[in-house]
């Protein structure tokens, strides 16, 4: 079954609007794990617009109480990232090519341009015991390069899928399915994330093979305003189960 990693960046975004620790990023992460989430994702950016350094360390400490849960730190390895990985050694390092002024992650790696810069970083992270996942577009021609520089997984950037699903495009996930199948043939694991929600997740998982993990933040935290954290995590786990059940098909 596909794992659910809860991205708590947007909890930090809300917290940062006041000089208070409300809502507590760590507490929301704990509630998510207690409700059955398989891991926690954070993306500490250089400007601290959401996750801040103390959040990184507090969540790392929290994960020590959940030995079966996964700590996934996302970020651009060329901007204030490697220090966290070296010190905390998260289970997974998801490397994302966004620049500091990007509003959010909005594209995958161009490995023809950046592969050789990434190669020693991937090697170091793996030597630290971290799984390495590279954020990639569905139509990327660079899967072989991802494998040769040492990545363990790719994370499919799913915003284009979400936009096509919202337009009721029956082929919304076709490119993602093809890329995931090609990744599998190369021995690369597949994760997915960006704009996935309760409505589009089952269809995505029913169409795209062998997705090991989805990382979901914005929609999940928005749903938590209505259903509460535990109730929302349960709904997302149910959506995953629906999409990965034997015989499930695209909706």
C-alpha atoms as a PDB file:
ATOM      1  CA  UNK A   1       0.000   0.000   0.000  1.00  0.00           C
ATOM      2  CA  UNK A   2       1.182   3.504  -0.793  1.00  0.00           C
ATOM      3  CA  UNK A   3       2.502   5.364   2.246  1.00  0.00           C
ATOM      4  CA  UNK A   4       1.169   8.761   3.302  1.00  0.00           C
ATOM      5  CA  UNK A   5       3.661  11.413   4.384  1.00  0.00           C
ATOM      6  CA  UNK A   6       2.014  14.523   5.827  1.00  0.00           C
ATOM      7  CA  UNK A   7       3.697  17.770   4.797  1.00  0.00           C
ATOM      8  CA  UNK A   8       3.320  20.244   7.680  1.00  0.00           C
ATOM      9  CA  UNK A   9       4.701  23.335   5.937  1.00  0.00           C
ATOM     10  CA  UNK A  10       1.313  25.059   5.842  1.00  0.00           C
ATOM     11  CA  UNK A  11       0.893  24.608   9.593  1.00  0.00           C
ATOM     12  CA  UNK A  12       4.094  26.589   9.988  1.00  0.00           C
ATOM     13  CA  UNK A  13       2.830  29.206   7.513  1.00  0.00           C
ATOM     14  CA  UNK A  14      -0.197  29.854   9.735  1.00  0.00           C
ATOM     15  CA  UNK A  15       1.887  29.816  12.907  1.00  0.00           C
ATOM     16  CA  UNK A  16       4.268  32.370  11.478  1.00  0.00           C
ATOM     17  CA  UNK A  17       1.551  34.997  11.075  1.00  0.00           C
ATOM     18  CA  UNK A  18       1.750  35.626  14.836  1.00  0.00           C
ATOM     19  CA  UNK A  19       4.519  35.681  17.430  1.00  0.00           C
ATOM     20  CA  UNK A  20       3.116  32.574  19.054  1.00  0.00           C
ATOM     21  CA  UNK A  21       3.681  28.859  18.740  1.00  0.00           C
ATOM     22  CA  UNK A  22       0.049  28.355  17.703  1.00  0.00           C
ATOM     23  CA  UNK A  23      -0.636  26.113  15.917  1.00  0.00           C
ATOM     24  CA  UNK A  24       2.230  23.884  16.983  1.00  0.00           C
ATOM     25  CA  UNK A  25       3.861  22.266  13.976  1.00  0.00           C
ATOM     26  CA  UNK A  26       5.162  19.436  16.113  1.00  0.00           C
ATOM     27  CA  UNK A  27       1.785  18.804  17.715  1.00  0.00           C
ATOM     28  CA  UNK A  28       0.066  18.586  14.328  1.00  0.00           C
ATOM     29  CA  UNK A  29       2.789  16.194  13.183  1.00  0.00           C
ATOM     30  CA  UNK A  30       2.188  14.052  16.288  1.00  0.00           C
ATOM     31  CA  UNK A  31      -1.579  13.982  15.680  1.00  0.00           C
ATOM     32  CA  UNK A  32      -0.953  12.939  12.078  1.00  0.00           C
ATOM     33  CA  UNK A  33       1.301  10.071  13.108  1.00  0.00           C
ATOM     34  CA  UNK A  34      -1.066   8.928  15.832  1.00  0.00           C
ATOM     35  CA  UNK A  35      -3.860   8.839  13.238  1.00  0.00           C
ATOM     36  CA  UNK A  36      -1.856   6.488  11.016  1.00  0.00           C
ATOM     37  CA  UNK A  37       0.276   8.666   8.734  1.00  0.00           C
ATOM     38  CA  UNK A  38       3.440   6.855   7.719  1.00  0.00           C
ATOM     39  CA  UNK A  39       5.725   9.860   7.896  1.00  0.00           C
ATOM     40  CA  UNK A  40       6.228  13.606   8.089  1.00  0.00           C
ATOM     41  CA  UNK A  41       7.588  15.839   5.329  1.00  0.00           C
ATOM     42  CA  UNK A  42       9.075  19.288   5.820  1.00  0.00           C
ATOM     43  CA  UNK A  43      10.689  21.726   3.399  1.00  0.00           C
ATOM     44  CA  UNK A  44      12.874  24.228   5.257  1.00  0.00           C
ATOM     45  CA  UNK A  45      13.554  27.164   2.959  1.00  0.00           C
ATOM     46  CA  UNK A  46      16.342  29.720   3.377  1.00  0.00           C
ATOM     47  CA  UNK A  47      13.875  32.543   4.127  1.00  0.00           C
ATOM     48  CA  UNK A  48      12.064  30.585   6.872  1.00  0.00           C
ATOM     49  CA  UNK A  49       8.696  31.479   5.373  1.00  0.00           C
ATOM     50  CA  UNK A  50       7.173  28.372   6.937  1.00  0.00           C
ATOM     51  CA  UNK A  51       9.384  25.676   8.465  1.00  0.00           C
ATOM     52  CA  UNK A  52      12.055  27.233  10.674  1.00  0.00           C
ATOM     53  CA  UNK A  53      15.209  25.664  12.080  1.00  0.00           C
ATOM     54  CA  UNK A  54      13.698  24.846  15.474  1.00  0.00           C
ATOM     55  CA  UNK A  55      10.848  23.001  13.700  1.00  0.00           C
ATOM     56  CA  UNK A  56      13.340  20.739  11.946  1.00  0.00           C
ATOM     57  CA  UNK A  57      14.956  19.665  15.196  1.00  0.00           C
ATOM     58  CA  UNK A  58      11.701  19.333  17.118  1.00  0.00           C
ATOM     59  CA  UNK A  59      10.163  17.115  14.439  1.00  0.00           C
ATOM     60  CA  UNK A  60      13.322  15.024  14.302  1.00  0.00           C
ATOM     61  CA  UNK A  61      12.992  14.520  18.067  1.00  0.00           C
ATOM     62  CA  UNK A  62       9.304  13.658  17.689  1.00  0.00           C
ATOM     63  CA  UNK A  63      10.072  11.019  15.079  1.00  0.00           C
ATOM     64  CA  UNK A  64      12.265   9.329  17.646  1.00  0.00           C
ATOM     65  CA  UNK A  65       9.049   8.341  19.423  1.00  0.00           C
ATOM     66  CA  UNK A  66       7.650   6.831  16.215  1.00  0.00           C
ATOM     67  CA  UNK A  67      10.374   4.417  15.093  1.00  0.00           C
ATOM     68  CA  UNK A  68       8.320   3.049  12.198  1.00  0.00           C
ATOM     69  CA  UNK A  69       7.549   6.510  10.779  1.00  0.00           C
ATOM     70  CA  UNK A  70       9.652   8.227   8.152  1.00  0.00           C
ATOM     71  CA  UNK A  71      11.255  11.666   8.302  1.00  0.00           C
ATOM     72  CA  UNK A  72      11.436  13.243   4.844  1.00  0.00           C
ATOM     73  CA  UNK A  73      13.280  16.538   4.410  1.00  0.00           C
ATOM     74  CA  UNK A  74      12.715  18.263   1.072  1.00  0.00           C
ATOM     75  CA  UNK A  75      14.795  21.068  -0.296  1.00  0.00           C
ATOM     76  CA  UNK A  76      17.282  22.407  -2.769  1.00  0.00           C
ATOM     77  CA  UNK A  77      20.643  20.894  -1.795  1.00  0.00           C
ATOM     78  CA  UNK A  78      22.418  24.037  -2.992  1.00  0.00           C
ATOM     79  CA  UNK A  79      20.518  26.297  -0.529  1.00  0.00           C
ATOM     80  CA  UNK A  80      20.694  25.714   3.256  1.00  0.00           C
ATOM     81  CA  UNK A  81      19.850  22.031   3.173  1.00  0.00           C
ATOM     82  CA  UNK A  82      22.815  19.742   3.579  1.00  0.00           C
ATOM     83  CA  UNK A  83      23.501  20.800   7.159  1.00  0.00           C
ATOM     84  CA  UNK A  84      20.174  19.351   8.275  1.00  0.00           C
ATOM     85  CA  UNK A  85      20.789  16.111   6.425  1.00  0.00           C
ATOM     86  CA  UNK A  86      24.293  15.730   7.804  1.00  0.00           C
ATOM     87  CA  UNK A  87      23.208  16.329  11.377  1.00  0.00           C
ATOM     88  CA  UNK A  88      19.832  14.574  11.454  1.00  0.00           C
ATOM     89  CA  UNK A  89      20.180  11.883   8.771  1.00  0.00           C
ATOM     90  CA  UNK A  90      16.503  11.675   7.817  1.00  0.00           C
ATOM     91  CA  UNK A  91      15.148   8.477   6.321  1.00  0.00           C
ATOM     92  CA  UNK A  92      14.599  10.273   3.021  1.00  0.00           C
ATOM     93  CA  UNK A  93      16.092  13.338   1.376  1.00  0.00           C
ATOM     94  CA  UNK A  94      13.911  14.681  -1.429  1.00  0.00           C
ATOM     95  CA  UNK A  95      15.977  17.019  -3.574  1.00  0.00           C
ATOM     96  CA  UNK A  96      13.995  19.786  -5.264  1.00  0.00           C
ATOM     97  CA  UNK A  97      15.330  22.343  -7.770  1.00  0.00           C
ATOM     98  CA  UNK A  98      13.338  25.357  -6.577  1.00  0.00           C
ATOM     99  CA  UNK A  99      15.133  28.653  -6.100  1.00  0.00           C
ATOM    100  CA  UNK A 100      14.780  30.643  -2.851  1.00  0.00           C
ATOM    101  CA  UNK A 101      12.322  33.107  -4.401  1.00  0.00           C
ATOM    102  CA  UNK A 102       9.999  30.403  -5.784  1.00  0.00           C
ATOM    103  CA  UNK A 103       6.510  30.496  -4.264  1.00  0.00           C
ATOM    104  CA  UNK A 104       6.429  26.705  -4.243  1.00  0.00           C
ATOM    105  CA  UNK A 105       8.079  23.800  -6.012  1.00  0.00           C
ATOM    106  CA  UNK A 106       7.032  24.112  -9.645  1.00  0.00           C
ATOM    107  CA  UNK A 107       9.274  21.917 -11.788  1.00  0.00           C
ATOM    108  CA  UNK A 108      11.467  18.868 -11.740  1.00  0.00           C
ATOM    109  CA  UNK A 109      15.214  18.605 -12.173  1.00  0.00           C
ATOM    110  CA  UNK A 110      16.931  19.073 -15.508  1.00  0.00           C
ATOM    111  CA  UNK A 111      19.608  16.435 -14.999  1.00  0.00           C
ATOM    112  CA  UNK A 112      21.473  17.267 -18.203  1.00  0.00           C
ATOM    113  CA  UNK A 113      22.160  20.653 -16.637  1.00  0.00           C
ATOM    114  CA  UNK A 114      22.414  19.718 -12.949  1.00  0.00           C
ATOM    115  CA  UNK A 115      23.203  16.010 -12.813  1.00  0.00           C
ATOM    116  CA  UNK A 116      26.944  16.299 -12.317  1.00  0.00           C
ATOM    117  CA  UNK A 117      26.483  18.876  -9.550  1.00  0.00           C
ATOM    118  CA  UNK A 118      24.029  16.553  -7.869  1.00  0.00           C
ATOM    119  CA  UNK A 119      26.105  13.392  -8.171  1.00  0.00           C
ATOM    120  CA  UNK A 120      28.480  14.028  -5.205  1.00  0.00           C
ATOM    121  CA  UNK A 121      25.562  15.240  -3.084  1.00  0.00           C
ATOM    122  CA  UNK A 122      23.574  12.093  -3.789  1.00  0.00           C
ATOM    123  CA  UNK A 123      26.619  10.002  -2.941  1.00  0.00           C
ATOM    124  CA  UNK A 124      27.151  11.836   0.348  1.00  0.00           C
ATOM    125  CA  UNK A 125      23.501  11.548   1.385  1.00  0.00           C
ATOM    126  CA  UNK A 126      23.471   7.838   0.659  1.00  0.00           C
ATOM    127  CA  UNK A 127      26.693   7.422   2.635  1.00  0.00           C
ATOM    128  CA  UNK A 128      24.859   9.095   5.535  1.00  0.00           C
ATOM    129  CA  UNK A 129      22.207   6.386   5.286  1.00  0.00           C
ATOM    130  CA  UNK A 130      19.513   8.538   3.656  1.00  0.00           C
ATOM    131  CA  UNK A 131      17.332   7.404   0.784  1.00  0.00           C
ATOM    132  CA  UNK A 132      17.550   9.967  -2.022  1.00  0.00           C
ATOM    133  CA  UNK A 133      14.554  10.981  -4.135  1.00  0.00           C
ATOM    134  CA  UNK A 134      14.750  13.476  -7.008  1.00  0.00           C
ATOM    135  CA  UNK A 135      11.789  15.721  -7.843  1.00  0.00           C
ATOM    136  CA  UNK A 136      11.005  15.064 -11.515  1.00  0.00           C
ATOM    137  CA  UNK A 137       8.449  16.034 -14.156  1.00  0.00           C
ATOM    138  CA  UNK A 138       6.255  13.303 -15.606  1.00  0.00           C
ATOM    139  CA  UNK A 139       7.566  13.841 -19.123  1.00  0.00           C
ATOM    140  CA  UNK A 140      11.222  13.881 -18.095  1.00  0.00           C
ATOM    141  CA  UNK A 141      13.676  12.297 -20.538  1.00  0.00           C
ATOM    142  CA  UNK A 142      16.248  12.030 -17.738  1.00  0.00           C
ATOM    143  CA  UNK A 143      15.264   8.883 -15.834  1.00  0.00           C
ATOM    144  CA  UNK A 144      18.405   7.048 -16.870  1.00  0.00           C
ATOM    145  CA  UNK A 145      20.475   9.965 -15.589  1.00  0.00           C
ATOM    146  CA  UNK A 146      18.609   9.826 -12.262  1.00  0.00           C
ATOM    147  CA  UNK A 147      19.636   6.208 -11.935  1.00  0.00           C
ATOM    148  CA  UNK A 148      23.240   6.719 -12.974  1.00  0.00           C
ATOM    149  CA  UNK A 149      23.851   9.538 -10.469  1.00  0.00           C
ATOM    150  CA  UNK A 150      22.622   7.217  -7.727  1.00  0.00           C
ATOM    151  CA  UNK A 151      19.064   8.263  -6.869  1.00  0.00           C
ATOM    152  CA  UNK A 152      16.925   5.654  -5.137  1.00  0.00           C
ATOM    153  CA  UNK A 153      13.601   7.166  -6.135  1.00  0.00           C
ATOM    154  CA  UNK A 154      11.981   9.926  -8.098  1.00  0.00           C
ATOM    155  CA  UNK A 155       9.104  12.055  -6.848  1.00  0.00           C
ATOM    156  CA  UNK A 156       6.667  12.874  -9.619  1.00  0.00           C
ATOM    157  CA  UNK A 157       5.605  16.539  -9.655  1.00  0.00           C
ATOM    158  CA  UNK A 158       1.837  16.104  -9.838  1.00  0.00           C
ATOM    159  CA  UNK A 159       0.484  19.659 -10.224  1.00  0.00           C
ATOM    160  CA  UNK A 160      -0.090  19.118 -13.980  1.00  0.00           C
ATOM    161  CA  UNK A 161      -2.055  15.958 -13.173  1.00  0.00           C
ATOM    162  CA  UNK A 162      -4.205  17.790 -10.630  1.00  0.00           C
ATOM    163  CA  UNK A 163      -4.962  20.579 -13.115  1.00  0.00           C
ATOM    164  CA  UNK A 164      -5.980  18.094 -15.836  1.00  0.00           C
ATOM    165  CA  UNK A 165      -8.054  16.040 -13.388  1.00  0.00           C
ATOM    166  CA  UNK A 166      -9.931  19.202 -12.395  1.00  0.00           C
ATOM    167  CA  UNK A 167     -10.835  19.638 -16.084  1.00  0.00           C
ATOM    168  CA  UNK A 168     -12.139  16.028 -16.186  1.00  0.00           C
ATOM    169  CA  UNK A 169      -9.415  15.014 -18.620  1.00  0.00           C
ATOM    170  CA  UNK A 170      -9.621  11.213 -18.933  1.00  0.00           C
ATOM    171  CA  UNK A 171      -5.905  11.028 -19.752  1.00  0.00           C
ATOM    172  CA  UNK A 172      -4.808  13.190 -16.813  1.00  0.00           C
ATOM    173  CA  UNK A 173      -2.507  10.540 -15.375  1.00  0.00           C
ATOM    174  CA  UNK A 174      -1.316   8.875 -18.591  1.00  0.00           C
ATOM    175  CA  UNK A 175       2.113  10.518 -18.725  1.00  0.00           C
ATOM    176  CA  UNK A 176       2.646   9.810 -15.040  1.00  0.00           C
ATOM    177  CA  UNK A 177       1.783   6.158 -15.502  1.00  0.00           C
ATOM    178  CA  UNK A 178       4.270   5.860 -18.364  1.00  0.00           C
ATOM    179  CA  UNK A 179       7.024   7.568 -16.402  1.00  0.00           C
ATOM    180  CA  UNK A 180       6.388   5.463 -13.297  1.00  0.00           C
ATOM    181  CA  UNK A 181       6.533   2.270 -15.363  1.00  0.00           C
ATOM    182  CA  UNK A 182       9.779   3.383 -16.989  1.00  0.00           C
ATOM    183  CA  UNK A 183      11.245   4.253 -13.587  1.00  0.00           C
ATOM    184  CA  UNK A 184      10.344   0.805 -12.317  1.00  0.00           C
ATOM    185  CA  UNK A 185      12.144  -0.834 -15.214  1.00  0.00           C
ATOM    186  CA  UNK A 186      15.261   1.108 -14.242  1.00  0.00           C
ATOM    187  CA  UNK A 187      14.993   0.068 -10.607  1.00  0.00           C
ATOM    188  CA  UNK A 188      13.880   3.499  -9.369  1.00  0.00           C
ATOM    189  CA  UNK A 189      11.165   3.753  -6.735  1.00  0.00           C
ATOM    190  CA  UNK A 190       8.348   6.243  -7.321  1.00  0.00           C
ATOM    191  CA  UNK A 191       6.915   8.864  -4.966  1.00  0.00           C
ATOM    192  CA  UNK A 192       4.438  11.592  -5.878  1.00  0.00           C
ATOM    193  CA  UNK A 193       3.382  14.966  -4.584  1.00  0.00           C
ATOM    194  CA  UNK A 194       1.994  18.434  -5.273  1.00  0.00           C
ATOM    195  CA  UNK A 195      -1.696  19.369  -5.386  1.00  0.00           C
ATOM    196  CA  UNK A 196      -2.895  15.841  -4.652  1.00  0.00           C
ATOM    197  CA  UNK A 197      -6.136  15.762  -2.658  1.00  0.00           C
ATOM    198  CA  UNK A 198      -8.901  13.403  -1.553  1.00  0.00           C
ATOM    199  CA  UNK A 199     -10.721  13.732  -4.870  1.00  0.00           C
ATOM    200  CA  UNK A 200      -7.864  13.172  -7.317  1.00  0.00           C
ATOM    201  CA  UNK A 201      -5.711  10.777  -5.290  1.00  0.00           C
ATOM    202  CA  UNK A 202      -7.673   7.523  -5.842  1.00  0.00           C
ATOM    203  CA  UNK A 203      -7.703   7.955  -9.614  1.00  0.00           C
ATOM    204  CA  UNK A 204      -4.011   8.776  -9.668  1.00  0.00           C
ATOM    205  CA  UNK A 205      -3.064   5.680  -7.688  1.00  0.00           C
ATOM    206  CA  UNK A 206      -5.388   3.470  -9.711  1.00  0.00           C
ATOM    207  CA  UNK A 207      -3.629   4.584 -12.906  1.00  0.00           C
ATOM    208  CA  UNK A 208       0.005   5.095 -11.918  1.00  0.00           C
ATOM    209  CA  UNK A 209       1.768   1.862 -10.954  1.00  0.00           C
ATOM    210  CA  UNK A 210       3.922   1.177  -7.926  1.00  0.00           C
ATOM    211  CA  UNK A 211       3.678   4.535  -6.149  1.00  0.00           C
ATOM    212  CA  UNK A 212       5.490   3.967  -2.868  1.00  0.00           C
ATOM    213  CA  UNK A 213       4.669   7.255  -1.155  1.00  0.00           C
ATOM    214  CA  UNK A 214       2.591  10.389  -1.567  1.00  0.00           C
ATOM    215  CA  UNK A 215       3.545  13.591   0.218  1.00  0.00           C
ATOM    216  CA  UNK A 216       0.522  15.820   0.794  1.00  0.00           C
ATOM    217  CA  UNK A 217       0.364  19.132   2.592  1.00  0.00           C
ATOM    218  CA  UNK A 218      -1.774  22.006   1.334  1.00  0.00           C
ATOM    219  CA  UNK A 219      -4.997  20.103   0.658  1.00  0.00           C
ATOM    220  CA  UNK A 220      -4.627  17.891   3.719  1.00  0.00           C
ATOM    221  CA  UNK A 221      -4.119  20.828   6.080  1.00  0.00           C
ATOM    222  CA  UNK A 222      -7.057  22.646   4.458  1.00  0.00           C
ATOM    223  CA  UNK A 223      -9.257  19.566   4.959  1.00  0.00           C
ATOM    224  CA  UNK A 224      -8.147  19.420   8.587  1.00  0.00           C
ATOM    225  CA  UNK A 225      -9.947  22.716   9.201  1.00  0.00           C
ATOM    226  CA  UNK A 226     -13.169  20.845   8.446  1.00  0.00           C
ATOM    227  CA  UNK A 227     -12.506  17.309   9.644  1.00  0.00           C
ATOM    228  CA  UNK A 228      -9.745  17.731  12.229  1.00  0.00           C
ATOM    229  CA  UNK A 229      -6.268  16.316  11.809  1.00  0.00           C
ATOM    230  CA  UNK A 230      -7.046  12.725  12.791  1.00  0.00           C
ATOM    231  CA  UNK A 231     -10.230  12.611  10.729  1.00  0.00           C
ATOM    232  CA  UNK A 232      -8.442  14.043   7.713  1.00  0.00           C
ATOM    233  CA  UNK A 233      -5.544  11.594   7.884  1.00  0.00           C
ATOM    234  CA  UNK A 234      -8.061   8.767   8.090  1.00  0.00           C
ATOM    235  CA  UNK A 235      -9.819  10.084   4.979  1.00  0.00           C
ATOM    236  CA  UNK A 236      -6.565  10.273   3.044  1.00  0.00           C
ATOM    237  CA  UNK A 237      -5.617   6.763   4.082  1.00  0.00           C
ATOM    238  CA  UNK A 238      -9.038   5.654   2.847  1.00  0.00           C
ATOM    239  CA  UNK A 239      -8.461   7.452  -0.471  1.00  0.00           C
ATOM    240  CA  UNK A 240      -5.130   5.661  -0.826  1.00  0.00           C
ATOM    241  CA  UNK A 241      -6.773   2.328  -0.066  1.00  0.00           C
ATOM    242  CA  UNK A 242      -9.445   3.022  -2.678  1.00  0.00           C
ATOM    243  CA  UNK A 243      -6.887   3.800  -5.356  1.00  0.00           C
ATOM    244  CA  UNK A 244      -4.645   0.830  -4.590  1.00  0.00           C
ATOM    245  CA  UNK A 245      -7.298  -1.834  -3.972  1.00  0.00           C
ATOM    246  CA  UNK A 246      -7.080  -4.908  -6.237  1.00  0.00           C
ATOM    247  CA  UNK A 247      -9.116  -4.295  -9.337  1.00  0.00           C
ATOM    248  CA  UNK A 248      -9.349  -0.535  -8.817  1.00  0.00           C
ATOM    249  CA  UNK A 249      -9.381   1.543 -11.960  1.00  0.00           C
ATOM    250  CA  UNK A 250      -9.165   5.193 -12.904  1.00  0.00           C
ATOM    251  CA  UNK A 251     -12.291   7.132 -12.011  1.00  0.00           C
END
